[in-house]
PDB file of N, CA and C in Angstrom:
ATOM      1  N   UNK A   1       0.830  -1.181   0.000  1.00  0.00           N
ATOM      2  CA  UNK A   1       0.000   0.000   0.000  1.00  0.00           C
ATOM      3  C   UNK A   1       0.872   1.240   0.000  1.00  0.00           C
ATOM      4  N   UNK A   2       0.482   2.203  -0.772  1.00  0.00           N
ATOM      5  CA  UNK A   2       1.270   3.420  -0.855  1.00  0.00           C
ATOM      6  C   UNK A   2       0.937   4.400   0.253  1.00  0.00           C
ATOM      7  N   UNK A   3       1.909   5.202   0.601  1.00  0.00           N
ATOM      8  CA  UNK A   3       1.708   6.256   1.586  1.00  0.00           C
ATOM      9  C   UNK A   3       1.870   7.590   0.869  1.00  0.00           C
ATOM     10  N   UNK A   4       1.421   8.645   1.468  1.00  0.00           N
ATOM     11  CA  UNK A   4       1.610   9.948   0.846  1.00  0.00           C
ATOM     12  C   UNK A   4       0.363  10.771   0.901  1.00  0.00           C
ATOM     13  N   UNK A   5       0.064  11.397  -0.207  1.00  0.00           N
ATOM     14  CA  UNK A   5      -1.027  12.353  -0.231  1.00  0.00           C
ATOM     15  C   UNK A   5      -2.379  11.658  -0.356  1.00  0.00           C
ATOM     16  N   UNK A   6      -3.394  12.276   0.204  1.00  0.00           N
ATOM     17  CA  UNK A   6      -4.743  11.740   0.140  1.00  0.00           C
ATOM     18  C   UNK A   6      -5.661  12.776  -0.493  1.00  0.00           C
ATOM     19  N   UNK A   7      -6.801  12.322  -0.937  1.00  0.00           N
ATOM     20  CA  UNK A   7      -7.765  13.197  -1.582  1.00  0.00           C
ATOM     21  C   UNK A   7      -8.819  13.601  -0.578  1.00  0.00           C
ATOM     22  N   UNK A   8      -8.957  14.895  -0.364  1.00  0.00           N
ATOM     23  CA  UNK A   8     -10.026  15.425   0.482  1.00  0.00           C
ATOM     24  C   UNK A   8     -11.109  15.981  -0.416  1.00  0.00           C
ATOM     25  N   UNK A   9     -12.086  16.631   0.147  1.00  0.00           N
ATOM     26  CA  UNK A   9     -13.189  17.166  -0.632  1.00  0.00           C
ATOM     27  C   UNK A   9     -12.761  18.261  -1.586  1.00  0.00           C
ATOM     28  N   UNK A  10     -11.664  18.984  -1.274  1.00  0.00           N
ATOM     29  CA  UNK A  10     -11.277  20.127  -2.090  1.00  0.00           C
ATOM     30  C   UNK A  10      -9.887  19.996  -2.693  1.00  0.00           C
ATOM     31  N   UNK A  11      -9.336  18.804  -2.764  1.00  0.00           N
ATOM     32  CA  UNK A  11      -8.037  18.639  -3.388  1.00  0.00           C
ATOM     33  C   UNK A  11      -7.154  17.700  -2.608  1.00  0.00           C
ATOM     34  N   UNK A  12      -5.894  17.676  -2.984  1.00  0.00           N
ATOM     35  CA  UNK A  12      -4.932  16.779  -2.369  1.00  0.00           C
ATOM     36  C   UNK A  12      -4.306  17.464  -1.158  1.00  0.00           C
ATOM     37  N   UNK A  13      -4.157  16.719  -0.068  1.00  0.00           N
ATOM     38  CA  UNK A  13      -3.576  17.291   1.143  1.00  0.00           C
ATOM     39  C   UNK A  13      -2.706  16.251   1.826  1.00  0.00           C
ATOM     40  N   UNK A  14      -1.943  16.681   2.801  1.00  0.00           N
ATOM     41  CA  UNK A  14      -1.077  15.741   3.510  1.00  0.00           C
ATOM     42  C   UNK A  14      -1.919  14.838   4.399  1.00  0.00           C
ATOM     43  N   UNK A  15      -1.452  13.608   4.693  1.00  0.00           N
ATOM     44  CA  UNK A  15      -2.223  12.685   5.528  1.00  0.00           C
ATOM     45  C   UNK A  15      -2.525  13.231   6.916  1.00  0.00           C
ATOM     46  N   UNK A  16      -1.583  13.956   7.528  1.00  0.00           N
ATOM     47  CA  UNK A  16      -1.828  14.476   8.871  1.00  0.00           C
ATOM     48  C   UNK A  16      -2.929  15.522   8.871  1.00  0.00           C
ATOM     49  N   UNK A  17      -2.962  16.375   7.872  1.00  0.00           N
ATOM     50  CA  UNK A  17      -4.039  17.360   7.801  1.00  0.00           C
ATOM     51  C   UNK A  17      -5.368  16.673   7.517  1.00  0.00           C
ATOM     52  N   UNK A  18      -5.345  15.700   6.634  1.00  0.00           N
ATOM     53  CA  UNK A  18      -6.577  15.009   6.260  1.00  0.00           C
ATOM     54  C   UNK A  18      -7.155  14.218   7.430  1.00  0.00           C
ATOM     55  N   UNK A  19      -6.305  13.682   8.286  1.00  0.00           N
ATOM     56  CA  UNK A  19      -6.777  12.853   9.386  1.00  0.00           C
ATOM     57  C   UNK A  19      -7.238  13.669  10.581  1.00  0.00           C
ATOM     58  N   UNK A  20      -7.160  14.982  10.508  1.00  0.00           N
ATOM     59  CA  UNK A  20      -7.609  15.803  11.625  1.00  0.00           C
ATOM     60  C   UNK A  20      -9.138  15.786  11.679  1.00  0.00           C
ATOM     61  N   UNK A  21      -9.695  15.798  12.873  1.00  0.00           N
ATOM     62  CA  UNK A  21     -11.156  15.773  13.006  1.00  0.00           C
ATOM     63  C   UNK A  21     -11.848  16.962  12.331  1.00  0.00           C
ATOM     64  N   UNK A  22     -11.131  18.063  12.158  1.00  0.00           N
ATOM     65  CA  UNK A  22     -11.740  19.240  11.548  1.00  0.00           C
ATOM     66  C   UNK A  22     -12.232  18.956  10.136  1.00  0.00           C
ATOM     67  N   UNK A  23     -11.570  18.051   9.425  1.00  0.00           N
ATOM     68  CA  UNK A  23     -12.001  17.725   8.065  1.00  0.00           C
ATOM     69  C   UNK A  23     -13.407  17.145   8.066  1.00  0.00           C
ATOM     70  N   UNK A  24     -13.689  16.224   8.969  1.00  0.00           N
ATOM     71  CA  UNK A  24     -15.027  15.642   9.043  1.00  0.00           C
ATOM     72  C   UNK A  24     -16.030  16.630   9.618  1.00  0.00           C
ATOM     73  N   UNK A  25     -15.590  17.458  10.568  1.00  0.00           N
ATOM     74  CA  UNK A  25     -16.489  18.436  11.181  1.00  0.00           C
ATOM     75  C   UNK A  25     -16.986  19.436  10.145  1.00  0.00           C
ATOM     76  N   UNK A  26     -16.122  19.816   9.211  1.00  0.00           N
ATOM     77  CA  UNK A  26     -16.520  20.776   8.179  1.00  0.00           C
ATOM     78  C   UNK A  26     -17.287  20.106   7.040  1.00  0.00           C
ATOM     79  N   UNK A  27     -17.503  18.815   7.109  1.00  0.00           N
ATOM     80  CA  UNK A  27     -18.294  18.116   6.107  1.00  0.00           C
ATOM     81  C   UNK A  27     -17.501  17.500   4.986  1.00  0.00           C
ATOM     82  N   UNK A  28     -16.171  17.534   5.060  1.00  0.00           N
ATOM     83  CA  UNK A  28     -15.347  16.924   4.023  1.00  0.00           C
ATOM     84  C   UNK A  28     -15.170  15.444   4.312  1.00  0.00           C
ATOM     85  N   UNK A  29     -15.277  14.621   3.276  1.00  0.00           N
ATOM     86  CA  UNK A  29     -14.962  13.207   3.414  1.00  0.00           C
ATOM     87  C   UNK A  29     -13.472  13.022   3.188  1.00  0.00           C
ATOM     88  N   UNK A  30     -12.908  12.003   3.810  1.00  0.00           N
ATOM     89  CA  UNK A  30     -11.481  11.729   3.673  1.00  0.00           C
ATOM     90  C   UNK A  30     -11.326  10.378   2.984  1.00  0.00           C
ATOM     91  N   UNK A  31     -10.623  10.359   1.849  1.00  0.00           N
ATOM     92  CA  UNK A  31     -10.399   9.138   1.097  1.00  0.00           C
ATOM     93  C   UNK A  31      -8.908   8.821   1.122  1.00  0.00           C
ATOM     94  N   UNK A  32      -8.551   7.639   1.601  1.00  0.00           N
ATOM     95  CA  UNK A  32      -7.157   7.210   1.624  1.00  0.00           C
ATOM     96  C   UNK A  32      -7.051   5.967   0.745  1.00  0.00           C
ATOM     97  N   UNK A  33      -6.391   6.132  -0.380  1.00  0.00           N
ATOM     98  CA  UNK A  33      -6.290   5.050  -1.353  1.00  0.00           C
ATOM     99  C   UNK A  33      -5.668   3.811  -0.719  1.00  0.00           C
ATOM    100  N   UNK A  34      -6.325   2.669  -0.893  1.00  0.00           N
ATOM    101  CA  UNK A  34      -5.820   1.403  -0.384  1.00  0.00           C
ATOM    102  C   UNK A  34      -6.155   1.155   1.080  1.00  0.00           C
ATOM    103  N   UNK A  35      -6.756   2.123   1.759  1.00  0.00           N
ATOM    104  CA  UNK A  35      -7.096   1.949   3.173  1.00  0.00           C
ATOM    105  C   UNK A  35      -8.595   2.059   3.383  1.00  0.00           C
ATOM    106  N   UNK A  36      -9.196   3.187   2.979  1.00  0.00           N
ATOM    107  CA  UNK A  36     -10.633   3.339   3.145  1.00  0.00           C
ATOM    108  C   UNK A  36     -11.052   4.790   3.171  1.00  0.00           C
ATOM    109  N   UNK A  37     -12.295   5.018   3.553  1.00  0.00           N
ATOM    110  CA  UNK A  37     -12.875   6.357   3.564  1.00  0.00           C
ATOM    111  C   UNK A  37     -13.474   6.669   4.920  1.00  0.00           C
ATOM    112  N   UNK A  38     -13.208   7.874   5.395  1.00  0.00           N
ATOM    113  CA  UNK A  38     -13.871   8.391   6.578  1.00  0.00           C
ATOM    114  C   UNK A  38     -14.929   9.356   6.066  1.00  0.00           C
ATOM    115  N   UNK A  39     -16.173   9.081   6.385  1.00  0.00           N
ATOM    116  CA  UNK A  39     -17.280   9.876   5.866  1.00  0.00           C
ATOM    117  C   UNK A  39     -18.206  10.279   7.009  1.00  0.00           C
ATOM    118  N   UNK A  40     -19.100  11.212   6.732  1.00  0.00           N
ATOM    119  CA  UNK A  40     -20.145  11.543   7.695  1.00  0.00           C
ATOM    120  C   UNK A  40     -21.464  11.050   7.124  1.00  0.00           C
ATOM    121  N   UNK A  41     -22.248  10.389   7.956  1.00  0.00           N
ATOM    122  CA  UNK A  41     -23.553   9.893   7.557  1.00  0.00           C
ATOM    123  C   UNK A  41     -24.632  10.701   8.265  1.00  0.00           C
ATOM    124  N   UNK A  42     -25.682  10.997   7.523  1.00  0.00           N
ATOM    125  CA  UNK A  42     -26.795  11.761   8.076  1.00  0.00           C
ATOM    126  C   UNK A  42     -27.820  10.792   8.667  1.00  0.00           C
ATOM    127  N   UNK A  43     -28.168  11.013   9.917  1.00  0.00           N
ATOM    128  CA  UNK A  43     -29.212  10.234  10.577  1.00  0.00           C
ATOM    129  C   UNK A  43     -30.484  11.075  10.604  1.00  0.00           C
ATOM    130  N   UNK A  44     -31.578  10.496  10.205  1.00  0.00           N
ATOM    131  CA  UNK A  44     -32.847  11.217  10.141  1.00  0.00           C
ATOM    132  C   UNK A  44     -33.394  11.477  11.545  1.00  0.00           C
ATOM    133  N   UNK A  45     -34.242  12.502  11.655  1.00  0.00           N
ATOM    134  CA  UNK A  45     -34.918  12.793  12.919  1.00  0.00           C
ATOM    135  C   UNK A  45     -35.866  11.638  13.238  1.00  0.00           C
ATOM    136  N   UNK A  46     -36.031  11.356  14.517  1.00  0.00           N
ATOM    137  CA  UNK A  46     -36.925  10.270  14.902  1.00  0.00           C
ATOM    138  C   UNK A  46     -37.457  10.508  16.306  1.00  0.00           C
ATOM    139  N   UNK A  47     -38.406   9.693  16.671  1.00  0.00           N
ATOM    140  CA  UNK A  47     -38.990   9.754  18.009  1.00  0.00           C
ATOM    141  C   UNK A  47     -38.433   8.569  18.800  1.00  0.00           C
ATOM    142  N   UNK A  48     -37.791   8.877  19.931  1.00  0.00           N
ATOM    143  CA  UNK A  48     -37.282   7.841  20.817  1.00  0.00           C
ATOM    144  C   UNK A  48     -38.155   7.783  22.062  1.00  0.00           C
ATOM    145  N   UNK A  49     -37.806   6.925  23.012  1.00  0.00           N
ATOM    146  CA  UNK A  49     -38.582   6.815  24.229  1.00  0.00           C
ATOM    147  C   UNK A  49     -37.675   6.833  25.441  1.00  0.00           C
ATOM    148  N   UNK A  50     -38.097   7.562  26.471  1.00  0.00           N
ATOM    149  CA  UNK A  50     -37.456   7.503  27.773  1.00  0.00           C
ATOM    150  C   UNK A  50     -38.252   6.458  28.547  1.00  0.00           C
ATOM    151  N   UNK A  51     -37.696   5.258  28.686  1.00  0.00           N
ATOM    152  CA  UNK A  51     -38.470   4.160  29.272  1.00  0.00           C
ATOM    153  C   UNK A  51     -38.684   4.327  30.776  1.00  0.00           C
ATOM    154  N   UNK A  52     -37.837   5.102  31.457  1.00  0.00           N
ATOM    155  CA  UNK A  52     -38.035   5.326  32.892  1.00  0.00           C
ATOM    156  C   UNK A  52     -39.265   6.183  33.152  1.00  0.00           C
ATOM    157  N   UNK A  53     -39.476   7.200  32.297  1.00  0.00           N
ATOM    158  CA  UNK A  53     -40.605   8.117  32.482  1.00  0.00           C
ATOM    159  C   UNK A  53     -41.764   7.808  31.541  1.00  0.00           C
ATOM    160  N   UNK A  54     -41.561   6.848  30.625  1.00  0.00           N
ATOM    161  CA  UNK A  54     -42.568   6.474  29.636  1.00  0.00           C
ATOM    162  C   UNK A  54     -43.034   7.695  28.836  1.00  0.00           C
ATOM    163  N   UNK A  55     -42.036   8.433  28.313  1.00  0.00           N
ATOM    164  CA  UNK A  55     -42.298   9.663  27.571  1.00  0.00           C
ATOM    165  C   UNK A  55     -41.596   9.580  26.215  1.00  0.00           C
ATOM    166  N   UNK A  56     -42.264  10.101  25.174  1.00  0.00           N
ATOM    167  CA  UNK A  56     -41.642  10.181  23.855  1.00  0.00           C
ATOM    168  C   UNK A  56     -40.639  11.331  23.851  1.00  0.00           C
ATOM    169  N   UNK A  57     -39.496  11.101  23.203  1.00  0.00           N
ATOM    170  CA  UNK A  57     -38.433  12.100  23.129  1.00  0.00           C
ATOM    171  C   UNK A  57     -38.088  12.320  21.659  1.00  0.00           C
ATOM    172  N   UNK A  58     -38.053  13.590  21.227  1.00  0.00           N
ATOM    173  CA  UNK A  58     -37.683  13.910  19.847  1.00  0.00           C
ATOM    174  C   UNK A  58     -36.164  13.901  19.726  1.00  0.00           C
ATOM    175  N   UNK A  59     -35.646  13.127  18.768  1.00  0.00           N
ATOM    176  CA  UNK A  59     -34.216  13.089  18.477  1.00  0.00           C
ATOM    177  C   UNK A  59     -34.032  13.784  17.127  1.00  0.00           C
ATOM    178  N   UNK A  60     -33.364  14.942  17.099  1.00  0.00           N
ATOM    179  CA  UNK A  60     -33.224  15.678  15.833  1.00  0.00           C
ATOM    180  C   UNK A  60     -32.282  14.963  14.862  1.00  0.00           C
ATOM    181  N   UNK A  61     -32.356  15.330  13.582  1.00  0.00           N
ATOM    182  CA  UNK A  61     -31.413  14.759  12.613  1.00  0.00           C
ATOM    183  C   UNK A  61     -30.005  15.200  12.990  1.00  0.00           C
ATOM    184  N   UNK A  62     -29.041  14.317  12.734  1.00  0.00           N
ATOM    185  CA  UNK A  62     -27.663  14.606  13.101  1.00  0.00           C
ATOM    186  C   UNK A  62     -26.727  13.805  12.204  1.00  0.00           C
ATOM    187  N   UNK A  63     -25.460  14.131  12.272  1.00  0.00           N
ATOM    188  CA  UNK A  63     -24.440  13.456  11.469  1.00  0.00           C
ATOM    189  C   UNK A  63     -23.533  12.647  12.384  1.00  0.00           C
ATOM    190  N   UNK A  64     -23.114  11.475  11.900  1.00  0.00           N
ATOM    191  CA  UNK A  64     -22.190  10.648  12.656  1.00  0.00           C
ATOM    192  C   UNK A  64     -20.998  10.296  11.765  1.00  0.00           C
ATOM    193  N   UNK A  65     -19.805  10.136  12.355  1.00  0.00           N
ATOM    194  CA  UNK A  65     -18.654   9.709  11.555  1.00  0.00           C
ATOM    195  C   UNK A  65     -18.745   8.209  11.278  1.00  0.00           C
ATOM    196  N   UNK A  66     -18.255   7.802  10.117  1.00  0.00           N
ATOM    197  CA  UNK A  66     -18.264   6.390   9.748  1.00  0.00           C
ATOM    198  C   UNK A  66     -17.003   6.082   8.948  1.00  0.00           C
ATOM    199  N   UNK A  67     -16.611   4.813   8.956  1.00  0.00           N
ATOM    200  CA  UNK A  67     -15.436   4.365   8.196  1.00  0.00           C
ATOM    201  C   UNK A  67     -15.863   3.242   7.268  1.00  0.00           C
ATOM    202  N   UNK A  68     -15.437   3.323   6.016  1.00  0.00           N
ATOM    203  CA  UNK A  68     -15.687   2.257   5.060  1.00  0.00           C
ATOM    204  C   UNK A  68     -14.332   1.790   4.523  1.00  0.00           C
ATOM    205  N   UNK A  69     -13.927   0.559   4.834  1.00  0.00           N
ATOM    206  CA  UNK A  69     -12.620   0.084   4.362  1.00  0.00           C
ATOM    207  C   UNK A  69     -12.611  -0.144   2.852  1.00  0.00           C
ATOM    208  N   UNK A  70     -11.436   0.046   2.254  1.00  0.00           N
ATOM    209  CA  UNK A  70     -11.263  -0.198   0.821  1.00  0.00           C
ATOM    210  C   UNK A  70     -11.319  -1.700   0.548  1.00  0.00           C
ATOM    211  N   UNK A  71     -11.772  -2.070  -0.630  1.00  0.00           N
ATOM    212  CA  UNK A  71     -11.892  -3.486  -0.988  1.00  0.00           C
ATOM    213  C   UNK A  71     -10.554  -4.197  -0.883  1.00  0.00           C
ATOM    214  N   UNK A  72      -9.484  -3.539  -1.363  1.00  0.00           N
ATOM    215  CA  UNK A  72      -8.165  -4.196  -1.326  1.00  0.00           C
ATOM    216  C   UNK A  72      -7.659  -4.347   0.107  1.00  0.00           C
ATOM    217  N   UNK A  73      -8.002  -3.409   0.994  1.00  0.00           N
ATOM    218  CA  UNK A  73      -7.613  -3.516   2.397  1.00  0.00           C
ATOM    219  C   UNK A  73      -8.321  -4.696   3.058  1.00  0.00           C
ATOM    220  N   UNK A  74      -9.614  -4.842   2.789  1.00  0.00           N
ATOM    221  CA  UNK A  74     -10.382  -5.964   3.338  1.00  0.00           C
ATOM    222  C   UNK A  74      -9.818  -7.286   2.827  1.00  0.00           C
ATOM    223  N   UNK A  75      -9.495  -7.346   1.538  1.00  0.00           N
ATOM    224  CA  UNK A  75      -8.942  -8.575   0.960  1.00  0.00           C
ATOM    225  C   UNK A  75      -7.598  -8.919   1.594  1.00  0.00           C
ATOM    226  N   UNK A  76      -6.747  -7.925   1.825  1.00  0.00           N
ATOM    227  CA  UNK A  76      -5.439  -8.166   2.456  1.00  0.00           C
ATOM    228  C   UNK A  76      -5.599  -8.682   3.881  1.00  0.00           C
ATOM    229  N   UNK A  77      -6.547  -8.135   4.618  1.00  0.00           N
ATOM    230  CA  UNK A  77      -6.769  -8.574   5.983  1.00  0.00           C
ATOM    231  C   UNK A  77      -7.291 -10.011   5.998  1.00  0.00           C
ATOM    232  N   UNK A  78      -8.158 -10.345   5.076  1.00  0.00           N
ATOM    233  CA  UNK A  78      -8.698 -11.709   5.001  1.00  0.00           C
ATOM    234  C   UNK A  78      -7.621 -12.739   4.677  1.00  0.00           C
ATOM    235  N   UNK A  79      -6.589 -12.318   3.915  1.00  0.00           N
ATOM    236  CA  UNK A  79      -5.508 -13.226   3.534  1.00  0.00           C
ATOM    237  C   UNK A  79      -4.603 -13.589   4.696  1.00  0.00           C
ATOM    238  N   UNK A  80      -4.475 -12.682   5.659  1.00  0.00           N
ATOM    239  CA  UNK A  80      -3.559 -12.927   6.769  1.00  0.00           C
ATOM    240  C   UNK A  80      -4.079 -14.057   7.642  1.00  0.00           C
ATOM    241  N   UNK A  81      -3.169 -14.717   8.332  1.00  0.00           N
ATOM    242  CA  UNK A  81      -3.576 -15.816   9.206  1.00  0.00           C
ATOM    243  C   UNK A  81      -4.275 -15.266  10.445  1.00  0.00           C
ATOM    244  N   UNK A  82      -5.039 -16.092  11.085  1.00  0.00           N
ATOM    245  CA  UNK A  82      -5.766 -15.696  12.288  1.00  0.00           C
ATOM    246  C   UNK A  82      -4.790 -15.391  13.416  1.00  0.00           C
ATOM    247  N   UNK A  83      -5.202 -14.534  14.327  1.00  0.00           N
ATOM    248  CA  UNK A  83      -4.379 -14.189  15.473  1.00  0.00           C
ATOM    249  C   UNK A  83      -4.236 -15.406  16.361  1.00  0.00           C
ATOM    250  N   UNK A  84      -3.013 -15.675  16.734  1.00  0.00           N
ATOM    251  CA  UNK A  84      -2.764 -16.883  17.543  1.00  0.00           C
ATOM    252  C   UNK A  84      -2.835 -16.604  19.005  1.00  0.00           C
TER     253      UNK A  84
END
């Protein structure tokens, strides 16, 4: 796997800058070739329940960080022997 520059939402940047949480906070996805993608996923608003008080609670829409591994990274991990 190669190391070096990665592709952010607005161009090529150094890995240390790309891996900073600020990139995801500002809505940029981080793509690292051969490793995977750090993205933000939007969760829809929903109604939850407080079971102690038996009350409905509104949960607003929000974004969560997520990681999706690259196909070649998953294949390489599958090839390795099991941890002994």
